[in-house]
Amino acid sequence: MLGLIVKLFVCPITVAIAAFIFPNVNYANLWQPIVVGLILAVSAHMMELFILKKGTFWFSTVLDFIAATILVYVVSLFFATATVTFFGALLTSLLLSITELVQHNWLIKSERTQKSPT
């Protein structure tokens, strides 16, 4: 649960930073990268619940990168005033993947990825 809370802050901030530094990621309103970031946070958390554990660090990170690229590009198409190229989505996903590397490492080392037996 703590992983989700961290992602709910980190993902929107990262998408907003990407919109600020990359010329091919342009959102007309501040709420647009926040919405994209929140969608990314929830989807990344769901992927972590199902995939992330000891031994799947890189696999999970690569899947996060691919999913983030697709989500940033597709979700941004729903905003009439947003302009995000596919290359811009790749760059944004690269930034997000750097944050995911840190988060995945922290989650695995703190043993927060262990599933409780049901």
C-alpha atoms as a PDB file:
ATOM      1  CA  MET A   1       0.000   0.000   0.000  1.00  0.00           C
ATOM      2  CA  LEU A   2       2.888   2.333   0.724  1.00  0.00           C
ATOM      3  CA  GLY A   3       4.124   1.730  -2.834  1.00  0.00           C
ATOM      4  CA  LEU A   4       0.829   3.070  -4.199  1.00  0.00           C
ATOM      5  CA  ILE A   5       0.989   6.164  -2.020  1.00  0.00           C
ATOM      6  CA  VAL A   6       4.509   6.919  -3.227  1.00  0.00           C
ATOM      7  CA  LYS A   7       3.446   6.403  -6.854  1.00  0.00           C
ATOM      8  CA  LEU A   8       0.431   8.704  -6.454  1.00  0.00           C
ATOM      9  CA  PHE A   9       2.871  11.530  -5.791  1.00  0.00           C
ATOM     10  CA  VAL A  10       5.864  10.537  -7.919  1.00  0.00           C
ATOM     11  CA  CYS A  11       4.117   9.715 -11.211  1.00  0.00           C
ATOM     12  CA  PRO A  12       2.152  12.981 -11.655  1.00  0.00           C
ATOM     13  CA  ILE A  13       5.210  15.029 -10.662  1.00  0.00           C
ATOM     14  CA  THR A  14       7.384  13.105 -13.130  1.00  0.00           C
ATOM     15  CA  VAL A  15       4.903  13.576 -15.992  1.00  0.00           C
ATOM     16  CA  ALA A  16       4.662  17.304 -15.177  1.00  0.00           C
ATOM     17  CA  ILE A  17       8.477  17.568 -15.180  1.00  0.00           C
ATOM     18  CA  ALA A  18       8.584  15.744 -18.533  1.00  0.00           C
ATOM     19  CA  ALA A  19       6.083  18.246 -19.936  1.00  0.00           C
ATOM     20  CA  PHE A  20       8.303  21.053 -18.706  1.00  0.00           C
ATOM     21  CA  ILE A  21      11.629  19.774 -20.076  1.00  0.00           C
ATOM     22  CA  PHE A  22      10.684  17.914 -23.285  1.00  0.00           C
ATOM     23  CA  PRO A  23       9.458  19.995 -26.246  1.00  0.00           C
ATOM     24  CA  ASN A  24       7.420  17.105 -27.667  1.00  0.00           C
ATOM     25  CA  VAL A  25       5.377  16.656 -24.466  1.00  0.00           C
ATOM     26  CA  ASN A  26       2.936  19.526 -24.169  1.00  0.00           C
ATOM     27  CA  TYR A  27      -0.065  19.768 -21.871  1.00  0.00           C
ATOM     28  CA  ALA A  28      -2.140  22.941 -21.961  1.00  0.00           C
ATOM     29  CA  ASN A  29      -3.395  22.635 -18.385  1.00  0.00           C
ATOM     30  CA  LEU A  30      -1.727  21.493 -15.172  1.00  0.00           C
ATOM     31  CA  TRP A  31      -4.454  18.943 -14.441  1.00  0.00           C
ATOM     32  CA  GLN A  32      -3.669  16.970 -17.621  1.00  0.00           C
ATOM     33  CA  PRO A  33      -0.254  15.594 -16.575  1.00  0.00           C
ATOM     34  CA  ILE A  34      -1.706  15.003 -13.107  1.00  0.00           C
ATOM     35  CA  VAL A  35      -4.481  12.817 -14.566  1.00  0.00           C
ATOM     36  CA  VAL A  36      -1.973  10.948 -16.758  1.00  0.00           C
ATOM     37  CA  GLY A  37       0.293  10.470 -13.733  1.00  0.00           C
ATOM     38  CA  LEU A  38      -2.535   9.150 -11.559  1.00  0.00           C
ATOM     39  CA  ILE A  39      -3.540   6.639 -14.229  1.00  0.00           C
ATOM     40  CA  LEU A  40       0.096   5.583 -14.508  1.00  0.00           C
ATOM     41  CA  ALA A  41       0.404   5.264 -10.729  1.00  0.00           C
ATOM     42  CA  VAL A  42      -2.593   2.956 -10.415  1.00  0.00           C
ATOM     43  CA  SER A  43      -1.595   0.804 -13.393  1.00  0.00           C
ATOM     44  CA  ALA A  44       2.049   0.559 -12.235  1.00  0.00           C
ATOM     45  CA  HIS A  45       0.906  -0.445  -8.769  1.00  0.00           C
ATOM     46  CA  MET A  46      -1.358  -3.153 -10.190  1.00  0.00           C
ATOM     47  CA  MET A  47       1.531  -4.474 -12.280  1.00  0.00           C
ATOM     48  CA  GLU A  48       3.738  -4.546  -9.183  1.00  0.00           C
ATOM     49  CA  LEU A  49       1.147  -6.538  -7.268  1.00  0.00           C
ATOM     50  CA  PHE A  50       1.077  -9.216  -9.945  1.00  0.00           C
ATOM     51  CA  ILE A  51       4.669  -9.252 -11.214  1.00  0.00           C
ATOM     52  CA  LEU A  52       7.214  -7.676  -8.868  1.00  0.00           C
ATOM     53  CA  LYS A  53       9.069 -10.017  -6.541  1.00  0.00           C
ATOM     54  CA  LYS A  54      12.628 -11.081  -5.968  1.00  0.00           C
ATOM     55  CA  GLY A  55      14.041 -12.214  -9.318  1.00  0.00           C
ATOM     56  CA  THR A  56      11.706 -10.150 -11.526  1.00  0.00           C
ATOM     57  CA  PHE A  57      13.298  -6.738 -10.977  1.00  0.00           C
ATOM     58  CA  TRP A  58      14.352  -6.070 -14.577  1.00  0.00           C
ATOM     59  CA  PHE A  59      11.383  -7.835 -16.154  1.00  0.00           C
ATOM     60  CA  SER A  60       8.994  -5.702 -14.113  1.00  0.00           C
ATOM     61  CA  THR A  61      10.890  -2.506 -14.910  1.00  0.00           C
ATOM     62  CA  VAL A  62      10.889  -3.205 -18.665  1.00  0.00           C
ATOM     63  CA  LEU A  63       7.161  -3.984 -18.570  1.00  0.00           C
ATOM     64  CA  ASP A  64       6.576  -0.732 -16.668  1.00  0.00           C
ATOM     65  CA  PHE A  65       8.492   1.152 -19.361  1.00  0.00           C
ATOM     66  CA  ILE A  66       6.451  -0.399 -22.179  1.00  0.00           C
ATOM     67  CA  ALA A  67       3.133   0.116 -20.386  1.00  0.00           C
ATOM     68  CA  ALA A  68       4.011   3.703 -19.446  1.00  0.00           C
ATOM     69  CA  THR A  69       4.931   4.540 -23.036  1.00  0.00           C
ATOM     70  CA  ILE A  70       1.621   3.230 -24.317  1.00  0.00           C
ATOM     71  CA  LEU A  71      -0.414   4.837 -21.528  1.00  0.00           C
ATOM     72  CA  VAL A  72       1.224   8.266 -21.797  1.00  0.00           C
ATOM     73  CA  TYR A  73       0.684   8.314 -25.549  1.00  0.00           C
ATOM     74  CA  VAL A  74      -2.876   6.946 -25.581  1.00  0.00           C
ATOM     75  CA  VAL A  75      -4.239   8.807 -22.543  1.00  0.00           C
ATOM     76  CA  SER A  76      -2.799  12.080 -23.871  1.00  0.00           C
ATOM     77  CA  LEU A  77      -4.786  11.600 -27.090  1.00  0.00           C
ATOM     78  CA  PHE A  78      -7.978  12.068 -25.063  1.00  0.00           C
ATOM     79  CA  PHE A  79      -7.029  15.659 -24.217  1.00  0.00           C
ATOM     80  CA  ALA A  80      -7.881  17.985 -27.096  1.00  0.00           C
ATOM     81  CA  THR A  81      -5.299  20.568 -26.010  1.00  0.00           C
ATOM     82  CA  ALA A  82      -2.448  18.135 -25.299  1.00  0.00           C
ATOM     83  CA  THR A  83       0.276  17.271 -27.775  1.00  0.00           C
ATOM     84  CA  VAL A  84       2.448  14.275 -27.005  1.00  0.00           C
ATOM     85  CA  THR A  85       4.431  12.578 -29.746  1.00  0.00           C
ATOM     86  CA  PHE A  86       5.382   8.926 -29.499  1.00  0.00           C
ATOM     87  CA  PHE A  87       9.000   9.969 -28.957  1.00  0.00           C
ATOM     88  CA  GLY A  88       7.807  12.290 -26.175  1.00  0.00           C
ATOM     89  CA  ALA A  89       5.953   9.370 -24.606  1.00  0.00           C
ATOM     90  CA  LEU A  90       9.179   7.319 -24.797  1.00  0.00           C
ATOM     91  CA  LEU A  91      11.156  10.082 -23.074  1.00  0.00           C
ATOM     92  CA  THR A  92       8.498  10.484 -20.388  1.00  0.00           C
ATOM     93  CA  SER A  93       8.515   6.721 -19.837  1.00  0.00           C
ATOM     94  CA  LEU A  94      12.285   6.790 -19.525  1.00  0.00           C
ATOM     95  CA  LEU A  95      11.989   9.310 -16.690  1.00  0.00           C
ATOM     96  CA  LEU A  96       9.248   7.238 -15.088  1.00  0.00           C
ATOM     97  CA  SER A  97      11.374   4.091 -15.392  1.00  0.00           C
ATOM     98  CA  ILE A  98      14.213   5.757 -13.523  1.00  0.00           C
ATOM     99  CA  THR A  99      11.828   6.433 -10.633  1.00  0.00           C
ATOM    100  CA  GLU A 100      10.510   2.868 -10.935  1.00  0.00           C
ATOM    101  CA  LEU A 101      14.042   1.477 -10.628  1.00  0.00           C
ATOM    102  CA  VAL A 102      14.422   3.208  -7.289  1.00  0.00           C
ATOM    103  CA  GLN A 103      10.948   2.192  -6.110  1.00  0.00           C
ATOM    104  CA  HIS A 104      11.301  -1.442  -7.210  1.00  0.00           C
ATOM    105  CA  ASN A 105      14.664  -1.707  -5.497  1.00  0.00           C
ATOM    106  CA  TRP A 106      13.202  -0.239  -2.296  1.00  0.00           C
ATOM    107  CA  LEU A 107      10.133  -2.505  -2.401  1.00  0.00           C
ATOM    108  CA  ILE A 108      12.197  -5.653  -2.933  1.00  0.00           C
ATOM    109  CA  LYS A 109      14.838  -4.817  -0.322  1.00  0.00           C
ATOM    110  CA  SER A 110      12.210  -3.907   2.281  1.00  0.00           C
ATOM    111  CA  GLU A 111      10.369  -7.147   1.440  1.00  0.00           C
ATOM    112  CA  ARG A 112       7.156  -5.278   0.698  1.00  0.00           C
ATOM    113  CA  THR A 113       6.591  -7.420  -2.404  1.00  0.00           C
ATOM    114  CA  GLN A 114       5.992 -10.655  -0.553  1.00  0.00           C
ATOM    115  CA  LYS A 115       2.442 -11.874  -0.961  1.00  0.00           C
ATOM    116  CA  SER A 116       0.688 -13.193   2.107  1.00  0.00           C
ATOM    117  CA  PRO A 117      -0.633 -16.749   1.792  1.00  0.00           C
ATOM    118  CA  THR A 118      -4.384 -17.016   1.370  1.00  0.00           C
END
